[in-house]
Protein backbone atom coordinates (compact mmCIF):
# COMPACT_ATOMS: atom_id res chain seq x y z
CA MET A 1 17.55 -97.25 -59.85
CA ASN A 2 17.22 -100.95 -59.04
CA PHE A 3 13.47 -101.56 -59.28
CA ASP A 4 13.34 -104.28 -56.64
CA GLN A 5 15.11 -102.05 -54.10
CA ILE A 6 12.95 -98.95 -54.54
CA ASN A 7 11.35 -98.10 -51.20
CA GLN A 8 10.35 -95.05 -49.19
CA GLU A 9 13.93 -94.23 -48.25
CA ILE A 10 15.03 -94.19 -51.89
CA ILE A 11 12.15 -91.98 -52.91
CA GLN A 12 12.91 -89.57 -50.08
CA ALA A 13 16.55 -89.58 -51.12
CA LEU A 14 15.52 -88.55 -54.62
CA ILE A 15 13.63 -85.59 -53.17
CA ALA A 16 16.49 -84.62 -50.82
CA ALA A 17 18.94 -84.73 -53.73
CA GLY A 18 16.67 -82.52 -55.88
CA ALA A 19 16.23 -85.20 -58.55
CA THR A 20 15.05 -83.67 -61.83
CA GLU A 21 12.78 -85.10 -64.46
CA SER A 22 14.74 -86.33 -67.41
CA VAL A 23 14.68 -88.76 -70.28
CA HIS A 24 14.85 -91.54 -67.64
CA LEU A 25 12.59 -90.16 -64.88
CA ASP A 26 9.17 -88.56 -64.58
CA PHE A 27 7.11 -87.54 -61.51
CA LYS A 28 3.32 -87.37 -61.20
CA ARG A 29 1.53 -85.83 -58.22
CA ALA A 30 -1.64 -87.94 -58.71
CA THR A 31 -2.55 -91.06 -60.55
CA TYR A 32 -4.09 -90.90 -64.01
CA GLY A 33 -7.83 -90.27 -64.15
CA LYS A 34 -10.52 -92.29 -65.81
CA LEU A 35 -11.28 -89.99 -68.71
CA ASP A 36 -10.11 -90.91 -72.20
CA GLY A 37 -7.65 -88.00 -72.20
CA ASP A 38 -6.12 -89.21 -68.93
CA LYS A 39 -5.64 -92.69 -70.30
CA LYS A 40 -4.01 -91.36 -73.47
CA GLU A 41 -1.66 -89.33 -71.25
CA LEU A 42 -0.59 -92.51 -69.46
CA LEU A 43 -0.06 -94.32 -72.74
CA LYS A 44 1.93 -91.43 -74.16
CA ASP A 45 4.20 -91.36 -71.12
CA ILE A 46 4.78 -95.12 -71.06
CA SER A 47 5.37 -95.57 -74.80
CA SER A 48 7.76 -92.58 -74.87
CA PHE A 49 10.00 -94.27 -72.30
CA ALA A 50 9.99 -97.55 -74.27
CA ASN A 51 10.76 -95.79 -77.53
CA SER A 52 13.71 -93.92 -75.94
CA LEU A 53 16.06 -95.16 -73.24
CA GLY A 54 13.59 -96.59 -70.76
CA GLY A 55 13.07 -95.19 -67.28
CA HIS A 56 10.86 -94.84 -64.20
CA LEU A 57 7.51 -93.16 -63.76
CA VAL A 58 6.82 -92.24 -60.11
CA ILE A 59 3.22 -91.50 -59.18
CA GLY A 60 2.73 -89.76 -55.85
CA VAL A 61 5.66 -87.32 -55.92
CA ASP A 62 5.12 -83.59 -56.54
CA GLU A 63 7.56 -81.55 -58.59
CA GLU A 64 8.33 -77.88 -59.04
CA GLU A 65 9.72 -76.90 -62.44
CA GLY A 66 10.74 -80.53 -63.01
CA VAL A 67 12.45 -80.95 -59.59
CA ALA A 68 11.06 -83.48 -57.11
CA SER A 69 9.76 -81.54 -54.11
CA ALA A 70 7.61 -83.72 -51.89
CA ILE A 71 5.87 -87.07 -51.47
CA VAL A 72 2.14 -86.77 -51.99
CA ALA A 73 1.08 -90.25 -51.01
CA LEU A 74 -1.95 -91.73 -52.74
CA GLU A 75 -4.67 -91.95 -50.05
CA ASN A 76 -8.15 -93.38 -50.18
CA VAL A 77 -7.16 -95.24 -53.36
CA GLY A 78 -7.46 -99.02 -53.77
CA VAL A 79 -3.83 -99.30 -54.78
CA GLU A 80 -3.89 -102.95 -55.81
CA GLN A 81 -6.92 -102.27 -58.01
CA GLU A 82 -5.20 -99.15 -59.37
CA LEU A 83 -2.06 -101.13 -60.29
CA LEU A 84 -4.22 -103.58 -62.20
CA ARG A 85 -6.16 -100.78 -63.91
CA LEU A 86 -3.00 -99.00 -65.09
CA GLU A 87 -1.48 -102.25 -66.32
CA GLN A 88 -4.64 -103.16 -68.21
CA ILE A 89 -4.74 -99.72 -69.88
CA VAL A 90 -1.15 -100.09 -71.01
CA ARG A 91 -1.56 -103.59 -72.31
CA ALA A 92 -4.63 -102.74 -74.32
CA GLY A 93 -3.57 -99.32 -75.53
CA ILE A 94 -0.01 -99.78 -76.81
CA GLU A 95 1.12 -101.81 -79.80
CA PRO A 96 3.25 -103.89 -79.88
CA THR A 97 3.16 -104.95 -76.24
CA ILE A 98 6.02 -103.64 -74.15
CA VAL A 99 7.89 -106.65 -72.79
CA GLY A 100 9.37 -106.30 -69.31
CA LEU A 101 7.14 -103.55 -67.97
CA ARG A 102 6.98 -103.67 -64.17
CA ILE A 103 4.74 -101.83 -61.70
CA LYS A 104 4.55 -101.86 -57.91
CA ARG A 105 3.29 -100.01 -54.83
CA VAL A 106 5.71 -98.44 -52.38
CA PRO A 107 4.19 -97.83 -48.92
CA VAL A 108 4.99 -94.30 -47.60
CA GLY A 109 3.48 -93.23 -44.30
CA ASP A 110 -0.32 -93.44 -44.48
CA GLY A 111 -0.43 -93.96 -48.23
CA ASP A 112 1.39 -95.31 -51.21
CA VAL A 113 3.52 -94.28 -54.19
CA ILE A 114 3.26 -96.18 -57.47
CA VAL A 115 6.42 -96.84 -59.43
CA ILE A 116 6.40 -98.06 -63.02
CA GLN A 117 9.58 -99.28 -64.62
CA VAL A 118 9.60 -99.15 -68.44
CA PRO A 119 12.49 -100.91 -70.16
CA ARG A 120 14.14 -99.62 -73.26
CA SER A 121 12.35 -101.66 -75.93
CA PHE A 122 14.15 -104.13 -78.11
CA ASN A 123 11.26 -104.09 -80.62
CA PRO A 124 10.29 -100.42 -81.12
CA PRO A 125 8.56 -98.32 -82.11
CA HIS A 126 5.45 -98.64 -79.88
CA ARG A 127 2.37 -96.65 -80.77
CA VAL A 128 -0.66 -95.51 -78.83
CA ILE A 129 -3.75 -97.18 -80.30
CA PHE A 130 -6.32 -96.25 -77.67
CA LYS A 131 -9.64 -94.88 -79.07
CA GLY A 132 -8.44 -94.78 -82.65
CA SER A 133 -5.18 -92.99 -81.82
CA ASN A 134 -2.12 -93.79 -83.98
CA ARG A 135 0.73 -91.82 -82.38
CA TYR A 136 4.35 -92.58 -81.72
CA HIS A 137 6.11 -90.75 -78.90
CA ALA A 138 9.65 -90.52 -77.52
CA ARG A 139 11.43 -88.56 -74.80
CA ASN A 140 14.35 -86.17 -74.60
CA SER A 141 15.62 -83.74 -71.97
CA SER A 142 12.73 -81.41 -72.72
CA GLY A 143 10.00 -83.99 -72.26
CA VAL A 144 7.71 -86.06 -74.47
CA TYR A 145 7.48 -85.40 -78.21
CA GLU A 146 6.02 -87.07 -81.28
CA LEU A 147 8.46 -89.06 -83.42
CA SER A 148 9.39 -87.78 -86.85
CA LEU A 149 9.25 -89.96 -89.97
CA GLU A 150 13.05 -90.28 -90.04
CA GLU A 151 13.09 -91.38 -86.38
CA LEU A 152 10.38 -93.93 -87.08
CA ARG A 153 12.34 -95.41 -89.95
CA ARG A 154 15.38 -95.78 -87.69
CA LEU A 155 13.38 -97.42 -84.90
CA PHE A 156 11.67 -99.85 -87.23
CA GLY A 157 15.09 -101.17 -88.18
CA GLN A 158 16.42 -101.30 -84.63
CA GLN A 159 14.88 -104.66 -83.57
CA ARG A 160 16.38 -106.58 -86.48
CA SER A 161 19.75 -104.89 -85.83
CA ILE A 162 19.77 -105.89 -82.13
CA GLU A 163 18.80 -109.49 -82.85
CA GLU A 164 21.42 -109.78 -85.61
CA ARG A 165 24.08 -108.28 -83.35
CA ALA A 166 23.20 -110.67 -80.52
CA THR A 167 23.35 -113.65 -82.86
CA ALA A 168 26.70 -112.52 -84.26
CA PHE A 169 28.05 -111.96 -80.72
CA VAL A 170 27.08 -115.46 -79.63
CA GLY A 171 28.63 -116.96 -82.74
CA GLN A 172 31.90 -115.10 -82.19
CA ARG A 173 32.03 -116.18 -78.54
CA PHE A 174 31.46 -119.78 -79.43
CA LEU A 175 34.32 -119.70 -81.90
CA LYS A 176 36.62 -118.31 -79.24
CA ILE A 177 35.63 -121.10 -76.86
CA GLN A 178 36.27 -123.73 -79.55
CA ALA A 179 39.71 -122.21 -80.02
CA ASN A 180 40.22 -122.33 -76.23
CA ASP A 181 40.48 -118.54 -76.22
CA GLY A 182 37.84 -117.89 -73.58
CA PRO A 183 38.47 -116.25 -70.16
CA LEU A 184 40.07 -119.47 -68.90
CA ALA A 185 41.51 -122.46 -70.73
CA MET A 186 39.46 -125.65 -70.44
CA PRO A 187 39.94 -129.28 -71.55
CA ILE A 188 37.84 -128.62 -74.65
CA GLU A 189 38.88 -131.94 -76.23
CA GLU A 190 36.41 -133.59 -73.82
CA GLY A 191 33.53 -131.57 -75.25
CA GLY A 192 31.08 -129.45 -73.33
CA ILE A 193 28.17 -127.00 -73.15
CA VAL A 194 27.92 -123.25 -73.68
CA VAL A 195 24.90 -121.29 -72.49
CA HIS A 196 24.50 -117.75 -73.67
CA MET A 197 21.89 -115.37 -72.19
CA ILE A 198 21.60 -111.99 -73.93
CA PRO A 199 19.38 -109.23 -72.45
CA LEU A 200 18.26 -107.64 -75.72
CA PRO A 201 17.38 -104.13 -74.46
CA ASP A 202 20.64 -103.72 -72.51
CA PHE A 203 22.71 -105.35 -75.23
CA GLY A 204 21.16 -103.03 -77.80
CA ALA A 205 21.74 -100.00 -75.61
CA ASN A 206 25.38 -100.93 -74.95
CA ARG A 207 24.71 -100.70 -71.23
CA ARG A 208 27.67 -100.75 -68.86
CA ILE A 209 27.11 -102.24 -65.35
CA ASP A 210 29.59 -101.34 -62.64
CA VAL A 211 31.85 -104.32 -61.99
CA SER A 212 31.34 -103.84 -58.22
CA LEU A 213 27.71 -104.80 -58.68
CA LEU A 214 28.74 -107.90 -60.61
CA ARG A 215 31.17 -108.79 -57.86
CA GLU A 216 28.48 -108.40 -55.17
CA ASN A 217 26.27 -110.89 -56.97
CA ARG A 218 28.94 -113.39 -57.94
CA ASN A 219 27.21 -116.23 -56.03
CA ALA A 220 24.30 -116.04 -58.46
CA PHE A 221 26.56 -117.04 -61.34
CA SER A 222 28.20 -120.27 -60.16
CA PRO A 223 29.48 -122.36 -63.05
CA ILE A 224 27.12 -125.02 -64.36
CA GLY A 225 26.87 -128.01 -62.01
CA THR A 226 28.97 -126.67 -59.15
CA ASP A 227 28.66 -124.64 -55.98
CA GLY A 228 32.34 -124.07 -55.29
CA HIS A 229 33.92 -121.25 -57.24
CA SER A 230 36.33 -118.33 -57.39
CA GLY A 231 35.96 -115.06 -59.24
CA ARG A 232 37.78 -112.00 -60.53
CA VAL A 233 37.26 -108.88 -62.57
CA ASN A 234 38.41 -109.04 -66.19
CA LEU A 235 38.22 -106.87 -69.26
CA ASP A 236 34.74 -108.12 -70.21
CA GLY A 237 33.25 -107.79 -66.77
CA PHE A 238 33.45 -110.45 -64.06
CA VAL A 239 34.24 -114.17 -64.44
CA VAL A 240 33.24 -116.85 -61.93
CA TYR A 241 35.10 -120.14 -62.37
CA ARG A 242 35.64 -123.59 -60.91
CA SER A 243 38.79 -123.75 -58.83
CA GLY A 244 41.42 -126.31 -59.78
CA GLN A 245 43.52 -127.26 -62.75
CA PRO A 246 42.39 -127.56 -65.39
CA CYS A 247 39.39 -125.28 -65.15
CA ARG A 248 36.32 -127.29 -66.14
CA GLY A 249 33.84 -124.47 -66.36
CA TYR A 250 33.26 -120.76 -65.86
CA THR A 251 30.54 -118.13 -66.02
CA GLN A 252 31.46 -114.84 -67.68
CA VAL A 253 29.17 -111.97 -66.78
CA PHE A 254 29.62 -109.15 -69.29
CA ARG A 255 29.31 -105.48 -68.51
CA ASP A 256 25.97 -105.25 -70.35
CA GLY A 257 24.53 -108.09 -68.23
CA SER A 258 24.99 -110.82 -70.81
CA VAL A 259 26.00 -114.25 -69.44
CA GLU A 260 28.24 -116.94 -70.95
CA ALA A 261 28.28 -120.15 -68.91
CA THR A 262 30.39 -123.17 -69.82
CA SER A 263 31.11 -126.65 -68.56
CA ALA A 264 33.43 -129.38 -69.75
CA SER A 265 31.82 -131.96 -67.44
CA VAL A 266 28.43 -132.63 -68.99
CA PHE A 267 29.08 -135.72 -71.09
CA THR A 268 29.65 -139.21 -69.73
CA SER A 269 33.28 -140.03 -70.39
CA ASP A 270 33.78 -143.23 -68.40
CA VAL A 271 31.94 -145.38 -70.97
CA ARG A 272 31.89 -145.61 -74.73
CA PRO A 273 30.21 -144.28 -76.63
CA ARG A 274 29.99 -140.93 -74.86
CA THR A 275 26.42 -139.76 -74.21
CA PHE A 276 24.27 -136.77 -73.44
CA ALA A 277 23.22 -137.61 -69.90
CA SER A 278 19.48 -137.33 -70.37
CA ARG A 279 18.71 -136.84 -66.69
CA SER A 280 21.65 -134.99 -65.11
CA LEU A 281 22.11 -132.60 -68.07
CA PRO A 282 18.68 -130.97 -67.91
CA GLU A 283 18.80 -131.02 -64.10
CA ARG A 284 21.99 -128.94 -64.23
CA ILE A 285 20.56 -126.57 -66.82
CA ILE A 286 17.32 -126.05 -64.83
CA SER A 287 19.28 -125.29 -61.67
CA SER A 288 21.73 -122.94 -63.42
CA LEU A 289 19.11 -121.12 -65.49
CA SER A 290 17.08 -120.31 -62.37
CA LEU A 291 20.22 -119.15 -60.62
CA TYR A 292 21.32 -116.94 -63.50
CA MET A 293 17.88 -115.42 -64.07
CA GLY A 294 17.81 -114.49 -60.39
CA GLY A 295 21.25 -113.00 -60.71
CA MET A 296 20.36 -110.99 -63.80
CA GLN A 297 17.29 -109.64 -62.02
CA ALA A 298 19.47 -108.66 -59.02
CA ILE A 299 21.78 -106.58 -61.21
CA ASP A 300 18.72 -105.01 -62.83
CA VAL A 301 19.06 -106.56 -66.27
CA SER A 302 16.15 -105.78 -68.62
CA PRO A 303 14.25 -108.64 -70.25
CA PRO A 304 13.51 -110.09 -72.74
CA ILE A 305 16.52 -112.40 -72.64
CA GLN A 306 17.63 -114.49 -75.61
CA LEU A 307 18.77 -117.95 -74.58
CA GLN A 308 21.14 -119.98 -76.76
CA ILE A 309 22.40 -123.44 -75.75
CA SER A 310 25.25 -124.94 -77.74
CA PHE A 311 27.55 -127.90 -77.46
CA PHE A 312 31.07 -128.56 -78.73
CA GLY A 313 33.03 -131.80 -79.11
CA THR A 314 29.83 -133.67 -79.98
CA ASN A 315 31.03 -135.94 -82.78
CA GLY A 316 30.09 -139.52 -81.82
CA LEU A 317 27.82 -138.61 -78.94
CA GLN A 318 24.58 -140.53 -78.31
CA ILE A 319 21.53 -139.69 -76.27
CA GLY A 320 21.29 -141.52 -72.96
CA LEU A 321 18.15 -143.62 -72.62
CA SER A 322 16.69 -145.23 -69.48
CA THR A 323 16.68 -149.00 -69.28
CA ARG A 324 12.95 -149.05 -69.96
CA HIS A 325 13.24 -146.89 -73.07
CA MET A 326 16.19 -148.93 -74.32
CA HIS A 327 13.75 -151.83 -74.59
CA MET A 328 11.09 -149.70 -76.27
CA PHE A 329 13.17 -147.99 -78.93
CA ASP A 330 16.04 -148.81 -81.23
CA SER A 331 19.22 -147.04 -80.22
CA PRO A 332 19.58 -144.01 -82.52
CA PRO A 333 22.88 -143.46 -84.39
CA PRO A 334 25.44 -141.20 -82.78
CA TYR A 335 25.62 -137.53 -83.62
CA ASP A 336 28.15 -137.01 -86.44
CA ARG A 337 29.14 -133.32 -86.21
CA GLU A 338 31.62 -131.51 -83.99
CA GLU A 339 29.18 -128.87 -82.75
CA LEU A 340 25.46 -128.58 -82.03
CA HIS A 341 23.42 -125.40 -81.68
CA LEU A 342 19.88 -125.69 -80.37
CA PRO A 343 17.34 -123.09 -81.70
CA PRO A 344 17.42 -119.94 -79.54
CA THR A 345 14.45 -118.99 -77.43
CA VAL A 346 13.42 -115.69 -75.90
CA ILE A 347 12.46 -115.46 -72.18
CA SER A 348 10.06 -112.56 -72.21
CA ASP A 349 10.20 -111.70 -68.49
CA TYR A 350 11.31 -112.91 -65.07
CA TYR A 351 9.09 -115.69 -63.67
CA GLU A 352 7.63 -114.94 -60.28
CA ASP A 353 8.25 -118.51 -59.09
CA ASN A 354 11.75 -118.56 -60.62
CA ASN A 355 10.90 -121.95 -62.19
CA TYR A 356 12.17 -122.17 -65.78
CA GLU A 357 11.54 -125.90 -66.30
CA SER A 358 9.30 -125.20 -69.29
CA VAL A 359 12.06 -123.22 -71.03
CA VAL A 360 14.55 -126.06 -70.53
CA ALA A 361 11.88 -128.57 -71.66
CA ASP A 362 11.62 -126.80 -75.03
CA GLN A 363 15.41 -126.86 -75.37
CA MET A 364 15.66 -130.52 -74.41
CA ASN A 365 12.90 -131.38 -76.86
CA PHE A 366 15.06 -129.86 -79.60
CA LEU A 367 18.03 -131.94 -78.40
CA TRP A 368 15.98 -135.15 -78.51
CA ASN A 369 14.62 -134.23 -81.93
CA VAL A 370 18.22 -134.44 -83.16
CA PHE A 371 18.18 -138.13 -82.25
CA GLY A 372 14.77 -138.84 -83.82
CA PHE A 373 12.48 -138.54 -80.75
CA ASP A 374 9.41 -136.36 -80.57
CA ARG A 375 10.34 -134.95 -77.19
CA CYS A 376 12.45 -135.45 -74.08
CA PHE A 377 10.90 -138.23 -71.96
CA ASN A 378 11.88 -136.56 -68.68
CA PHE A 379 9.41 -133.69 -68.96
CA ASP A 380 5.62 -133.98 -69.00
CA GLU A 381 3.42 -132.44 -71.64
CA ASN A 382 3.22 -129.18 -69.63
CA GLY A 383 6.99 -128.83 -69.55
CA ARG A 384 7.41 -129.89 -65.91
CA TRP A 385 10.44 -131.86 -64.87
CA ARG A 386 9.24 -135.45 -64.23
CA PRO A 387 12.28 -137.68 -64.50
CA GLU A 388 11.84 -141.41 -64.28
CA SER A 389 12.96 -142.91 -60.98
């Protein structure tokens, strides 16, 4: 289920279809009570989803022998306060924190249903720590059970394995681009940028998104710095690319929701030496990152998302300084290597305002560190985009 699209009609459709409780889905007739045992039950249910394959917990739907039977809307309940209470219990009672947990109310008739989406965790196992508890739970087709020692050992090694796989994947993709062996050939001799965004839970679970959903959301993956584009299905998923010859940039959306965005039009080439355009480059990245995060949310990609920004063809490049800063600082020497990889960062969740300026600010600070500056001058100390006029 796409969490953002869950409404009364979808819940009624689940009931009409005789949806059954499973490793991915659980129904509760009433919300969890205020006794310690009730709170532990909530924590056990939530942590078991995160330690398994993730899923949805639907509160306000009755079931008979595990089959959804009727909506039992929550009435005479301060639903907004209840959402906050449940979220606070989960945040305080499970360790480590489950990243990407989402909860919302769904109006149904004269009441509400509460839906909680729990992602498959990229850093399991999660344990219940409420009131001195120290229990690890998971789910299978029969319900919730306590993890064995062997299962715990496997889960403790899973996070490192996913991160290592993601790093190796990004490295392999970068090498293919350098060899001009990406989805489309580009004028790589001019240099360019590569942005990788890896949803760690979905990448670790080897998720496969239907390409029709990728096609439907193609406009959310326009190549860096452009609005005009074409697109087509390919073996890896769906590629969106700039029209024209040669292709100067594309966005490859993989079947697990990972994104690879490229552009061969980010360095100034009409003057020598070539430069990182200190204003237009971060502007393009801010715009594209917001677009891609919205697109990933639309195709129900699970955060956290690992962001890696890299450049190729960088030998001899300089950082572009404003006229004022050119008088304040000595011009730094040009970069003397053929590729540049900024330290990766992890975006823990989708931002409600869809403003990722602070994420780009951190990345641009790293870029400016390469040239001997403390930070990028075009962001303020709070990471807000404040370019000089």
